[in-house]
């Protein structure tokens, strides 16, 4: 099976020893994305909706670099600092999918990198 590292300047650079995404065969594994603006390298601060929007845009950029889109996503993992934000994040998240939704789990965690409020990772299939 072939393995290809996916890297784009349109999404935040990794902040540790990992890749933005790895394409293994026809499966793309996208690392968890947090609300960092790739243009500035700064965290997006404001509402949880603003943070979730930036996370989804970062995921979108990585998927695009691999020649994919949200329609190719089969699994997502959402990590929230506060489960009370579930509805707000879910609303933003839902705007990026048009149907045939991926499998998903959402969990509340004690802490996320850079003390953000949301992190999302995805797995997608390349046709």
C-alpha atoms as a PDB file:
ATOM      1  CA  UNK A   1       0.000   0.000   0.000  1.00  0.00           C
ATOM      2  CA  UNK A   2       1.296   3.443  -0.881  1.00  0.00           C
ATOM      3  CA  UNK A   3       1.566   6.250   1.665  1.00  0.00           C
ATOM      4  CA  UNK A   4       1.606   9.934   0.717  1.00  0.00           C
ATOM      5  CA  UNK A   5       1.957  12.910   3.060  1.00  0.00           C
ATOM      6  CA  UNK A   6      -0.519  15.724   2.365  1.00  0.00           C
ATOM      7  CA  UNK A   7       0.621  19.264   3.176  1.00  0.00           C
ATOM      8  CA  UNK A   8      -0.888  22.604   2.189  1.00  0.00           C
ATOM      9  CA  UNK A   9      -0.126  26.200   3.153  1.00  0.00           C
ATOM     10  CA  UNK A  10      -3.899  26.799   3.052  1.00  0.00           C
ATOM     11  CA  UNK A  11      -4.179  25.056   6.448  1.00  0.00           C
ATOM     12  CA  UNK A  12      -2.133  25.560   9.619  1.00  0.00           C
ATOM     13  CA  UNK A  13       1.301  23.981   9.691  1.00  0.00           C
ATOM     14  CA  UNK A  14       1.602  21.103  12.163  1.00  0.00           C
ATOM     15  CA  UNK A  15       2.644  22.220  15.645  1.00  0.00           C
ATOM     16  CA  UNK A  16       4.401  18.939  16.394  1.00  0.00           C
ATOM     17  CA  UNK A  17       5.873  15.823  14.787  1.00  0.00           C
ATOM     18  CA  UNK A  18       2.847  14.881  12.684  1.00  0.00           C
ATOM     19  CA  UNK A  19       1.444  15.509   9.203  1.00  0.00           C
ATOM     20  CA  UNK A  20      -1.662  17.469   8.278  1.00  0.00           C
ATOM     21  CA  UNK A  21      -2.875  14.304   6.595  1.00  0.00           C
ATOM     22  CA  UNK A  22      -1.695  10.956   5.274  1.00  0.00           C
ATOM     23  CA  UNK A  23      -3.146   9.257   2.224  1.00  0.00           C
ATOM     24  CA  UNK A  24      -2.727   5.492   2.671  1.00  0.00           C
ATOM     25  CA  UNK A  25      -4.043   3.647  -0.343  1.00  0.00           C
ATOM     26  CA  UNK A  26      -7.414   5.270  -0.973  1.00  0.00           C
ATOM     27  CA  UNK A  27      -7.971   6.395   2.630  1.00  0.00           C
ATOM     28  CA  UNK A  28      -7.111   9.901   3.810  1.00  0.00           C
ATOM     29  CA  UNK A  29      -6.479  10.360   7.528  1.00  0.00           C
ATOM     30  CA  UNK A  30      -6.631  14.051   8.459  1.00  0.00           C
ATOM     31  CA  UNK A  31      -5.077  15.103  11.751  1.00  0.00           C
ATOM     32  CA  UNK A  32      -7.176  17.025  14.244  1.00  0.00           C
ATOM     33  CA  UNK A  33      -7.539  20.654  13.269  1.00  0.00           C
ATOM     34  CA  UNK A  34      -7.919  23.538  15.677  1.00  0.00           C
ATOM     35  CA  UNK A  35      -9.021  27.119  14.926  1.00  0.00           C
ATOM     36  CA  UNK A  36      -5.729  28.533  13.682  1.00  0.00           C
ATOM     37  CA  UNK A  37      -5.882  30.998  10.797  1.00  0.00           C
ATOM     38  CA  UNK A  38      -3.260  29.684   8.347  1.00  0.00           C
ATOM     39  CA  UNK A  39      -2.703  33.179   6.906  1.00  0.00           C
ATOM     40  CA  UNK A  40      -1.578  34.624  10.242  1.00  0.00           C
ATOM     41  CA  UNK A  41      -0.745  31.596  12.370  1.00  0.00           C
ATOM     42  CA  UNK A  42      -2.970  33.073  15.092  1.00  0.00           C
ATOM     43  CA  UNK A  43      -5.810  31.425  16.921  1.00  0.00           C
ATOM     44  CA  UNK A  44      -9.281  32.528  15.922  1.00  0.00           C
ATOM     45  CA  UNK A  45     -10.856  33.969  19.044  1.00  0.00           C
ATOM     46  CA  UNK A  46     -14.449  34.957  19.458  1.00  0.00           C
ATOM     47  CA  UNK A  47     -17.493  32.760  19.462  1.00  0.00           C
ATOM     48  CA  UNK A  48     -17.492  28.978  19.378  1.00  0.00           C
ATOM     49  CA  UNK A  49     -19.130  29.304  15.960  1.00  0.00           C
ATOM     50  CA  UNK A  50     -16.146  31.328  14.696  1.00  0.00           C
ATOM     51  CA  UNK A  51     -13.776  28.669  16.023  1.00  0.00           C
ATOM     52  CA  UNK A  52     -15.764  25.813  14.489  1.00  0.00           C
ATOM     53  CA  UNK A  53     -15.944  27.635  11.142  1.00  0.00           C
ATOM     54  CA  UNK A  54     -12.144  28.007  11.047  1.00  0.00           C
ATOM     55  CA  UNK A  55     -11.647  24.347  11.957  1.00  0.00           C
ATOM     56  CA  UNK A  56     -13.946  23.287   9.123  1.00  0.00           C
ATOM     57  CA  UNK A  57     -12.170  25.629   6.667  1.00  0.00           C
ATOM     58  CA  UNK A  58      -8.838  24.100   7.684  1.00  0.00           C
ATOM     59  CA  UNK A  59     -10.205  20.604   7.105  1.00  0.00           C
ATOM     60  CA  UNK A  60     -11.633  21.719   3.767  1.00  0.00           C
ATOM     61  CA  UNK A  61      -8.216  23.019   2.632  1.00  0.00           C
ATOM     62  CA  UNK A  62      -6.521  19.737   3.493  1.00  0.00           C
ATOM     63  CA  UNK A  63      -9.221  17.676   1.795  1.00  0.00           C
ATOM     64  CA  UNK A  64      -8.903  19.892  -1.296  1.00  0.00           C
ATOM     65  CA  UNK A  65      -5.127  19.431  -1.391  1.00  0.00           C
ATOM     66  CA  UNK A  66      -5.758  15.678  -1.530  1.00  0.00           C
ATOM     67  CA  UNK A  67      -8.300  16.127  -4.332  1.00  0.00           C
ATOM     68  CA  UNK A  68     -11.256  15.445  -2.054  1.00  0.00           C
ATOM     69  CA  UNK A  69     -14.169  17.249  -0.437  1.00  0.00           C
ATOM     70  CA  UNK A  70     -16.533  16.800   2.477  1.00  0.00           C
ATOM     71  CA  UNK A  71     -18.605  14.419   0.341  1.00  0.00           C
ATOM     72  CA  UNK A  72     -15.682  11.964   0.633  1.00  0.00           C
ATOM     73  CA  UNK A  73     -15.608  12.047   4.446  1.00  0.00           C
ATOM     74  CA  UNK A  74     -16.707   8.769   6.052  1.00  0.00           C
ATOM     75  CA  UNK A  75     -15.815   9.444   9.716  1.00  0.00           C
ATOM     76  CA  UNK A  76     -15.319  12.482  11.921  1.00  0.00           C
ATOM     77  CA  UNK A  77     -14.248  12.952  15.510  1.00  0.00           C
ATOM     78  CA  UNK A  78     -15.190  16.136  17.352  1.00  0.00           C
ATOM     79  CA  UNK A  79     -13.512  17.080  20.606  1.00  0.00           C
ATOM     80  CA  UNK A  80     -15.155  19.810  22.680  1.00  0.00           C
ATOM     81  CA  UNK A  81     -13.891  21.553  25.778  1.00  0.00           C
ATOM     82  CA  UNK A  82     -17.514  22.109  26.842  1.00  0.00           C
ATOM     83  CA  UNK A  83     -20.365  19.845  25.709  1.00  0.00           C
ATOM     84  CA  UNK A  84     -22.725  22.787  26.182  1.00  0.00           C
ATOM     85  CA  UNK A  85     -21.340  24.021  22.840  1.00  0.00           C
ATOM     86  CA  UNK A  86     -22.491  20.873  21.040  1.00  0.00           C
ATOM     87  CA  UNK A  87     -25.500  22.490  19.341  1.00  0.00           C
ATOM     88  CA  UNK A  88     -23.571  25.520  18.113  1.00  0.00           C
ATOM     89  CA  UNK A  89     -20.684  23.454  16.754  1.00  0.00           C
ATOM     90  CA  UNK A  90     -23.114  20.956  15.230  1.00  0.00           C
ATOM     91  CA  UNK A  91     -24.872  23.751  13.343  1.00  0.00           C
ATOM     92  CA  UNK A  92     -21.617  25.038  11.803  1.00  0.00           C
ATOM     93  CA  UNK A  93     -20.418  21.488  11.087  1.00  0.00           C
ATOM     94  CA  UNK A  94     -23.675  20.640   9.325  1.00  0.00           C
ATOM     95  CA  UNK A  95     -23.258  23.509   6.856  1.00  0.00           C
ATOM     96  CA  UNK A  96     -20.304  21.693   5.275  1.00  0.00           C
ATOM     97  CA  UNK A  97     -22.203  18.488   4.462  1.00  0.00           C
ATOM     98  CA  UNK A  98     -25.059  18.085   2.003  1.00  0.00           C
ATOM     99  CA  UNK A  99     -26.312  14.647   2.971  1.00  0.00           C
ATOM    100  CA  UNK A 100     -25.009  11.126   3.293  1.00  0.00           C
ATOM    101  CA  UNK A 101     -23.450  12.275   6.545  1.00  0.00           C
ATOM    102  CA  UNK A 102     -20.326  10.546   7.852  1.00  0.00           C
ATOM    103  CA  UNK A 103     -20.188   8.459  10.992  1.00  0.00           C
ATOM    104  CA  UNK A 104     -19.162  10.568  13.971  1.00  0.00           C
ATOM    105  CA  UNK A 105     -18.496  10.806  17.662  1.00  0.00           C
ATOM    106  CA  UNK A 106     -18.402  13.947  19.773  1.00  0.00           C
ATOM    107  CA  UNK A 107     -16.686  13.895  23.139  1.00  0.00           C
ATOM    108  CA  UNK A 108     -15.983  16.417  25.844  1.00  0.00           C
ATOM    109  CA  UNK A 109     -12.338  16.607  26.850  1.00  0.00           C
ATOM    110  CA  UNK A 110     -10.513  18.312  29.715  1.00  0.00           C
ATOM    111  CA  UNK A 111      -8.105  20.232  27.516  1.00  0.00           C
ATOM    112  CA  UNK A 112      -7.139  20.732  23.870  1.00  0.00           C
ATOM    113  CA  UNK A 113      -3.948  22.046  22.222  1.00  0.00           C
ATOM    114  CA  UNK A 114      -3.437  25.794  22.735  1.00  0.00           C
ATOM    115  CA  UNK A 115      -6.476  25.699  25.057  1.00  0.00           C
ATOM    116  CA  UNK A 116      -8.915  25.914  22.142  1.00  0.00           C
ATOM    117  CA  UNK A 117     -12.575  24.966  22.502  1.00  0.00           C
ATOM    118  CA  UNK A 118     -12.912  22.595  19.544  1.00  0.00           C
ATOM    119  CA  UNK A 119     -10.800  20.169  17.510  1.00  0.00           C
ATOM    120  CA  UNK A 120     -12.041  17.996  14.631  1.00  0.00           C
ATOM    121  CA  UNK A 121     -10.380  15.197  12.664  1.00  0.00           C
ATOM    122  CA  UNK A 122     -11.718  13.309   9.649  1.00  0.00           C
ATOM    123  CA  UNK A 123     -11.195  10.184   7.602  1.00  0.00           C
ATOM    124  CA  UNK A 124     -12.103  10.306   3.908  1.00  0.00           C
ATOM    125  CA  UNK A 125     -12.074   7.886   0.990  1.00  0.00           C
ATOM    126  CA  UNK A 126     -10.655   8.644  -2.420  1.00  0.00           C
ATOM    127  CA  UNK A 127     -12.666   7.086  -5.263  1.00  0.00           C
END
